[in-house]
Amino acid sequence: MELINWNEKQSIASKMTDTELHYAILDCLKTIQVMGNSQMNGKDQGYYYDELSVYRGEQRKRGVSGTGL
């Protein structure tokens, strides 16, 4: 199972526009929902929850209201 590289994801998130962050969050949420308990390319739900937390953290840091999800 692949573990998230927190520093790399934070670096990517910091370069995203607010709109890109919004859609990255939606992508994570949809992926989590679709994959259920299975793994995909060595990643499980935990990976995408971690990625989601990085993107939401970046939104909070910017003071963006987020997706409402």
PDB file of N, CA and C in Angstrom:
ATOM      1  N   MET A   1       0.841  -1.176   0.000  1.00  0.00           N
ATOM      2  CA  MET A   1       0.000   0.000   0.000  1.00  0.00           C
ATOM      3  C   MET A   1       0.888   1.242   0.000  1.00  0.00           C
ATOM      4  N   GLU A   2       0.543   2.168  -0.869  1.00  0.00           N
ATOM      5  CA  GLU A   2       1.325   3.399  -1.005  1.00  0.00           C
ATOM      6  C   GLU A   2       0.946   4.404   0.081  1.00  0.00           C
ATOM      7  N   LEU A   3       1.955   5.031   0.637  1.00  0.00           N
ATOM      8  CA  LEU A   3       1.737   6.087   1.632  1.00  0.00           C
ATOM      9  C   LEU A   3       1.933   7.437   0.973  1.00  0.00           C
ATOM     10  N   ILE A   4       1.191   8.405   1.434  1.00  0.00           N
ATOM     11  CA  ILE A   4       1.273   9.744   0.856  1.00  0.00           C
ATOM     12  C   ILE A   4       2.579  10.428   1.254  1.00  0.00           C
ATOM     13  N   ASN A   5       3.126  11.168   0.329  1.00  0.00           N
ATOM     14  CA  ASN A   5       4.280  12.014   0.606  1.00  0.00           C
ATOM     15  C   ASN A   5       3.716  13.398   0.947  1.00  0.00           C
ATOM     16  N   TRP A   6       3.603  13.658   2.256  1.00  0.00           N
ATOM     17  CA  TRP A   6       2.934  14.880   2.724  1.00  0.00           C
ATOM     18  C   TRP A   6       3.575  16.147   2.160  1.00  0.00           C
ATOM     19  N   ASN A   7       4.893  16.218   2.174  1.00  0.00           N
ATOM     20  CA  ASN A   7       5.574  17.425   1.697  1.00  0.00           C
ATOM     21  C   ASN A   7       5.353  17.655   0.209  1.00  0.00           C
ATOM     22  N   GLU A   8       5.386  16.579  -0.562  1.00  0.00           N
ATOM     23  CA  GLU A   8       5.165  16.701  -2.003  1.00  0.00           C
ATOM     24  C   GLU A   8       3.738  17.163  -2.296  1.00  0.00           C
ATOM     25  N   LYS A   9       2.758  16.552  -1.626  1.00  0.00           N
ATOM     26  CA  LYS A   9       1.357  16.943  -1.844  1.00  0.00           C
ATOM     27  C   LYS A   9       1.107  18.379  -1.406  1.00  0.00           C
ATOM     28  N   GLN A  10       1.733  18.799  -0.306  1.00  0.00           N
ATOM     29  CA  GLN A  10       1.563  20.174   0.149  1.00  0.00           C
ATOM     30  C   GLN A  10       2.160  21.143  -0.859  1.00  0.00           C
ATOM     31  N   SER A  11       3.292  20.789  -1.433  1.00  0.00           N
ATOM     32  CA  SER A  11       3.924  21.627  -2.449  1.00  0.00           C
ATOM     33  C   SER A  11       3.018  21.760  -3.671  1.00  0.00           C
ATOM     34  N   ILE A  12       2.430  20.657  -4.081  1.00  0.00           N
ATOM     35  CA  ILE A  12       1.500  20.673  -5.219  1.00  0.00           C
ATOM     36  C   ILE A  12       0.279  21.528  -4.889  1.00  0.00           C
ATOM     37  N   ALA A  13      -0.290  21.325  -3.711  1.00  0.00           N
ATOM     38  CA  ALA A  13      -1.491  22.062  -3.304  1.00  0.00           C
ATOM     39  C   ALA A  13      -1.229  23.563  -3.240  1.00  0.00           C
ATOM     40  N   SER A  14      -0.056  23.946  -2.775  1.00  0.00           N
ATOM     41  CA  SER A  14       0.250  25.371  -2.625  1.00  0.00           C
ATOM     42  C   SER A  14       0.338  26.087  -3.971  1.00  0.00           C
ATOM     43  N   LYS A  15       0.546  25.330  -5.038  1.00  0.00           N
ATOM     44  CA  LYS A  15       0.651  25.921  -6.377  1.00  0.00           C
ATOM     45  C   LYS A  15      -0.671  25.899  -7.134  1.00  0.00           C
ATOM     46  N   MET A  16      -1.692  25.250  -6.575  1.00  0.00           N
ATOM     47  CA  MET A  16      -2.993  25.170  -7.229  1.00  0.00           C
ATOM     48  C   MET A  16      -3.772  26.465  -7.052  1.00  0.00           C
ATOM     49  N   THR A  17      -4.612  26.744  -8.018  1.00  0.00           N
ATOM     50  CA  THR A  17      -5.552  27.848  -7.860  1.00  0.00           C
ATOM     51  C   THR A  17      -6.665  27.383  -6.923  1.00  0.00           C
ATOM     52  N   ASP A  18      -7.480  28.312  -6.467  1.00  0.00           N
ATOM     53  CA  ASP A  18      -8.607  27.939  -5.610  1.00  0.00           C
ATOM     54  C   ASP A  18      -9.548  26.985  -6.340  1.00  0.00           C
ATOM     55  N   THR A  19      -9.763  27.209  -7.621  1.00  0.00           N
ATOM     56  CA  THR A  19     -10.629  26.344  -8.419  1.00  0.00           C
ATOM     57  C   THR A  19     -10.029  24.953  -8.552  1.00  0.00           C
ATOM     58  N   GLU A  20      -8.736  24.867  -8.781  1.00  0.00           N
ATOM     59  CA  GLU A  20      -8.073  23.566  -8.874  1.00  0.00           C
ATOM     60  C   GLU A  20      -8.174  22.802  -7.557  1.00  0.00           C
ATOM     61  N   LEU A  21      -8.019  23.507  -6.444  1.00  0.00           N
ATOM     62  CA  LEU A  21      -8.171  22.865  -5.139  1.00  0.00           C
ATOM     63  C   LEU A  21      -9.584  22.310  -4.964  1.00  0.00           C
ATOM     64  N   HIS A  22     -10.555  23.094  -5.354  1.00  0.00           N
ATOM     65  CA  HIS A  22     -11.951  22.679  -5.257  1.00  0.00           C
ATOM     66  C   HIS A  22     -12.168  21.360  -5.996  1.00  0.00           C
ATOM     67  N   TYR A  23     -11.694  21.290  -7.229  1.00  0.00           N
ATOM     68  CA  TYR A  23     -11.914  20.084  -8.020  1.00  0.00           C
ATOM     69  C   TYR A  23     -11.034  18.921  -7.571  1.00  0.00           C
ATOM     70  N   ALA A  24      -9.872  19.198  -7.036  1.00  0.00           N
ATOM     71  CA  ALA A  24      -9.032  18.125  -6.478  1.00  0.00           C
ATOM     72  C   ALA A  24      -9.732  17.486  -5.278  1.00  0.00           C
ATOM     73  N   ILE A  25     -10.372  18.313  -4.467  1.00  0.00           N
ATOM     74  CA  ILE A  25     -11.135  17.812  -3.325  1.00  0.00           C
ATOM     75  C   ILE A  25     -12.303  16.950  -3.801  1.00  0.00           C
ATOM     76  N   LEU A  26     -13.025  17.428  -4.797  1.00  0.00           N
ATOM     77  CA  LEU A  26     -14.140  16.640  -5.333  1.00  0.00           C
ATOM     78  C   LEU A  26     -13.648  15.311  -5.901  1.00  0.00           C
ATOM     79  N   ASP A  27     -12.508  15.333  -6.589  1.00  0.00           N
ATOM     80  CA  ASP A  27     -11.944  14.089  -7.128  1.00  0.00           C
ATOM     81  C   ASP A  27     -11.618  13.102  -6.015  1.00  0.00           C
ATOM     82  N   CYS A  28     -11.024  13.578  -4.935  1.00  0.00           N
ATOM     83  CA  CYS A  28     -10.712  12.697  -3.803  1.00  0.00           C
ATOM     84  C   CYS A  28     -11.983  12.104  -3.225  1.00  0.00           C
ATOM     85  N   LEU A  29     -12.993  12.931  -3.017  1.00  0.00           N
ATOM     86  CA  LEU A  29     -14.251  12.452  -2.442  1.00  0.00           C
ATOM     87  C   LEU A  29     -14.909  11.406  -3.334  1.00  0.00           C
ATOM     88  N   LYS A  30     -14.924  11.646  -4.632  1.00  0.00           N
ATOM     89  CA  LYS A  30     -15.530  10.687  -5.563  1.00  0.00           C
ATOM     90  C   LYS A  30     -14.739   9.388  -5.589  1.00  0.00           C
ATOM     91  N   THR A  31     -13.428   9.483  -5.565  1.00  0.00           N
ATOM     92  CA  THR A  31     -12.584   8.289  -5.580  1.00  0.00           C
ATOM     93  C   THR A  31     -12.818   7.453  -4.333  1.00  0.00           C
ATOM     94  N   ILE A  32     -12.876   8.101  -3.187  1.00  0.00           N
ATOM     95  CA  ILE A  32     -13.136   7.395  -1.923  1.00  0.00           C
ATOM     96  C   ILE A  32     -14.467   6.662  -1.994  1.00  0.00           C
ATOM     97  N   GLN A  33     -15.459   7.330  -2.522  1.00  0.00           N
ATOM     98  CA  GLN A  33     -16.802   6.745  -2.602  1.00  0.00           C
ATOM     99  C   GLN A  33     -16.819   5.549  -3.552  1.00  0.00           C
ATOM    100  N   VAL A  34     -16.194   5.667  -4.703  1.00  0.00           N
ATOM    101  CA  VAL A  34     -16.239   4.622  -5.720  1.00  0.00           C
ATOM    102  C   VAL A  34     -15.428   3.395  -5.328  1.00  0.00           C
ATOM    103  N   MET A  35     -14.280   3.612  -4.718  1.00  0.00           N
ATOM    104  CA  MET A  35     -13.394   2.472  -4.482  1.00  0.00           C
ATOM    105  C   MET A  35     -13.797   1.625  -3.284  1.00  0.00           C
ATOM    106  N   GLY A  36     -14.575   2.153  -2.382  1.00  0.00           N
ATOM    107  CA  GLY A  36     -14.989   1.376  -1.220  1.00  0.00           C
ATOM    108  C   GLY A  36     -13.784   0.849  -0.459  1.00  0.00           C
ATOM    109  N   ASN A  37     -13.791  -0.431  -0.113  1.00  0.00           N
ATOM    110  CA  ASN A  37     -12.706  -1.021   0.671  1.00  0.00           C
ATOM    111  C   ASN A  37     -11.591  -1.593  -0.186  1.00  0.00           C
ATOM    112  N   SER A  38     -11.732  -1.515  -1.498  1.00  0.00           N
ATOM    113  CA  SER A  38     -10.714  -2.094  -2.375  1.00  0.00           C
ATOM    114  C   SER A  38      -9.527  -1.145  -2.533  1.00  0.00           C
ATOM    115  N   GLN A  39      -8.478  -1.660  -3.150  1.00  0.00           N
ATOM    116  CA  GLN A  39      -7.305  -0.842  -3.460  1.00  0.00           C
ATOM    117  C   GLN A  39      -7.289  -0.556  -4.948  1.00  0.00           C
ATOM    118  N   MET A  40      -6.664   0.563  -5.306  1.00  0.00           N
ATOM    119  CA  MET A  40      -6.544   0.949  -6.701  1.00  0.00           C
ATOM    120  C   MET A  40      -5.115   1.434  -6.925  1.00  0.00           C
ATOM    121  N   ASN A  41      -4.391   0.749  -7.779  1.00  0.00           N
ATOM    122  CA  ASN A  41      -3.001   1.104  -8.066  1.00  0.00           C
ATOM    123  C   ASN A  41      -2.165   1.213  -6.795  1.00  0.00           C
ATOM    124  N   GLY A  42      -2.428   0.328  -5.847  1.00  0.00           N
ATOM    125  CA  GLY A  42      -1.657   0.307  -4.604  1.00  0.00           C
ATOM    126  C   GLY A  42      -2.079   1.342  -3.585  1.00  0.00           C
ATOM    127  N   LYS A  43      -3.128   2.081  -3.880  1.00  0.00           N
ATOM    128  CA  LYS A  43      -3.620   3.115  -2.960  1.00  0.00           C
ATOM    129  C   LYS A  43      -4.970   2.664  -2.415  1.00  0.00           C
ATOM    130  N   ASP A  44      -5.225   2.975  -1.142  1.00  0.00           N
ATOM    131  CA  ASP A  44      -6.512   2.662  -0.545  1.00  0.00           C
ATOM    132  C   ASP A  44      -7.212   3.955  -0.144  1.00  0.00           C
ATOM    133  N   GLN A  45      -8.365   3.814   0.491  1.00  0.00           N
ATOM    134  CA  GLN A  45      -9.122   4.999   0.900  1.00  0.00           C
ATOM    135  C   GLN A  45      -8.297   5.919   1.789  1.00  0.00           C
ATOM    136  N   GLY A  46      -7.466   5.351   2.646  1.00  0.00           N
ATOM    137  CA  GLY A  46      -6.657   6.161   3.553  1.00  0.00           C
ATOM    138  C   GLY A  46      -5.762   7.138   2.815  1.00  0.00           C
ATOM    139  N   TYR A  47      -5.207   6.705   1.693  1.00  0.00           N
ATOM    140  CA  TYR A  47      -4.353   7.575   0.890  1.00  0.00           C
ATOM    141  C   TYR A  47      -5.151   8.804   0.434  1.00  0.00           C
ATOM    142  N   TYR A  48      -6.358   8.551  -0.079  1.00  0.00           N
ATOM    143  CA  TYR A  48      -7.167   9.654  -0.603  1.00  0.00           C
ATOM    144  C   TYR A  48      -7.729  10.542   0.504  1.00  0.00           C
ATOM    145  N   TYR A  49      -7.988   9.968   1.681  1.00  0.00           N
ATOM    146  CA  TYR A  49      -8.374  10.802   2.825  1.00  0.00           C
ATOM    147  C   TYR A  49      -7.207  11.706   3.229  1.00  0.00           C
ATOM    148  N   ASP A  50      -5.996  11.173   3.192  1.00  0.00           N
ATOM    149  CA  ASP A  50      -4.817  11.983   3.508  1.00  0.00           C
ATOM    150  C   ASP A  50      -4.642  13.106   2.490  1.00  0.00           C
ATOM    151  N   GLU A  51      -4.793  12.758   1.207  1.00  0.00           N
ATOM    152  CA  GLU A  51      -4.666  13.767   0.147  1.00  0.00           C
ATOM    153  C   GLU A  51      -5.739  14.838   0.322  1.00  0.00           C
ATOM    154  N   LEU A  52      -6.935  14.411   0.628  1.00  0.00           N
ATOM    155  CA  LEU A  52      -8.045  15.335   0.874  1.00  0.00           C
ATOM    156  C   LEU A  52      -7.718  16.299   2.010  1.00  0.00           C
ATOM    157  N   SER A  53      -7.118  15.789   3.070  1.00  0.00           N
ATOM    158  CA  SER A  53      -6.791  16.646   4.213  1.00  0.00           C
ATOM    159  C   SER A  53      -5.745  17.697   3.852  1.00  0.00           C
ATOM    160  N   VAL A  54      -4.836  17.353   2.957  1.00  0.00           N
ATOM    161  CA  VAL A  54      -3.834  18.333   2.506  1.00  0.00           C
ATOM    162  C   VAL A  54      -4.529  19.465   1.746  1.00  0.00           C
ATOM    163  N   TYR A  55      -5.418  19.103   0.832  1.00  0.00           N
ATOM    164  CA  TYR A  55      -6.111  20.114   0.032  1.00  0.00           C
ATOM    165  C   TYR A  55      -7.026  20.994   0.889  1.00  0.00           C
ATOM    166  N   ARG A  56      -7.741  20.386   1.813  1.00  0.00           N
ATOM    167  CA  ARG A  56      -8.598  21.185   2.700  1.00  0.00           C
ATOM    168  C   ARG A  56      -7.768  22.074   3.622  1.00  0.00           C
ATOM    169  N   GLY A  57      -6.628  21.577   4.046  1.00  0.00           N
ATOM    170  CA  GLY A  57      -5.729  22.392   4.861  1.00  0.00           C
ATOM    171  C   GLY A  57      -5.236  23.609   4.099  1.00  0.00           C
ATOM    172  N   GLU A  58      -4.948  23.424   2.836  1.00  0.00           N
ATOM    173  CA  GLU A  58      -4.514  24.550   1.993  1.00  0.00           C
ATOM    174  C   GLU A  58      -5.649  25.559   1.841  1.00  0.00           C
ATOM    175  N   GLN A  59      -6.856  25.067   1.671  1.00  0.00           N
ATOM    176  CA  GLN A  59      -8.001  25.982   1.595  1.00  0.00           C
ATOM    177  C   GLN A  59      -8.144  26.791   2.876  1.00  0.00           C
ATOM    178  N   ARG A  60      -8.041  26.123   4.012  1.00  0.00           N
ATOM    179  CA  ARG A  60      -8.163  26.827   5.298  1.00  0.00           C
ATOM    180  C   ARG A  60      -7.062  27.875   5.439  1.00  0.00           C
ATOM    181  N   LYS A  61      -5.853  27.520   5.036  1.00  0.00           N
ATOM    182  CA  LYS A  61      -4.733  28.443   5.125  1.00  0.00           C
ATOM    183  C   LYS A  61      -4.996  29.703   4.295  1.00  0.00           C
ATOM    184  N   ARG A  62      -5.659  29.528   3.166  1.00  0.00           N
ATOM    185  CA  ARG A  62      -5.966  30.666   2.283  1.00  0.00           C
ATOM    186  C   ARG A  62      -7.231  31.408   2.708  1.00  0.00           C
ATOM    187  N   GLY A  63      -8.005  30.803   3.593  1.00  0.00           N
ATOM    188  CA  GLY A  63      -9.257  31.414   4.003  1.00  0.00           C
ATOM    189  C   GLY A  63     -10.366  31.211   2.988  1.00  0.00           C
ATOM    190  N   VAL A  64     -10.227  30.159   2.160  1.00  0.00           N
ATOM    191  CA  VAL A  64     -11.237  29.828   1.162  1.00  0.00           C
ATOM    192  C   VAL A  64     -12.332  29.041   1.856  1.00  0.00           C
ATOM    193  N   SER A  65     -13.578  29.306   1.472  1.00  0.00           N
ATOM    194  CA  SER A  65     -14.714  28.672   2.148  1.00  0.00           C
ATOM    195  C   SER A  65     -14.821  27.183   1.863  1.00  0.00           C
ATOM    196  N   GLY A  66     -14.256  26.701   0.790  1.00  0.00           N
ATOM    197  CA  GLY A  66     -14.273  25.265   0.500  1.00  0.00           C
ATOM    198  C   GLY A  66     -15.456  24.837  -0.332  1.00  0.00           C
ATOM    199  N   THR A  67     -15.656  23.524  -0.387  1.00  0.00           N
ATOM    200  CA  THR A  67     -16.671  22.943  -1.254  1.00  0.00           C
ATOM    201  C   THR A  67     -18.024  22.808  -0.577  1.00  0.00           C
ATOM    202  N   GLY A  68     -18.063  22.976   0.725  1.00  0.00           N
ATOM    203  CA  GLY A  68     -19.300  22.765   1.451  1.00  0.00           C
ATOM    204  C   GLY A  68     -19.561  21.289   1.723  1.00  0.00           C
ATOM    205  N   LEU A  69     -18.555  20.457   1.445  1.00  0.00           N
ATOM    206  CA  LEU A  69     -18.711  19.009   1.653  1.00  0.00           C
ATOM    207  C   LEU A  69     -17.946  18.571   2.872  1.00  0.00           C
TER     208      LEU A  69
END
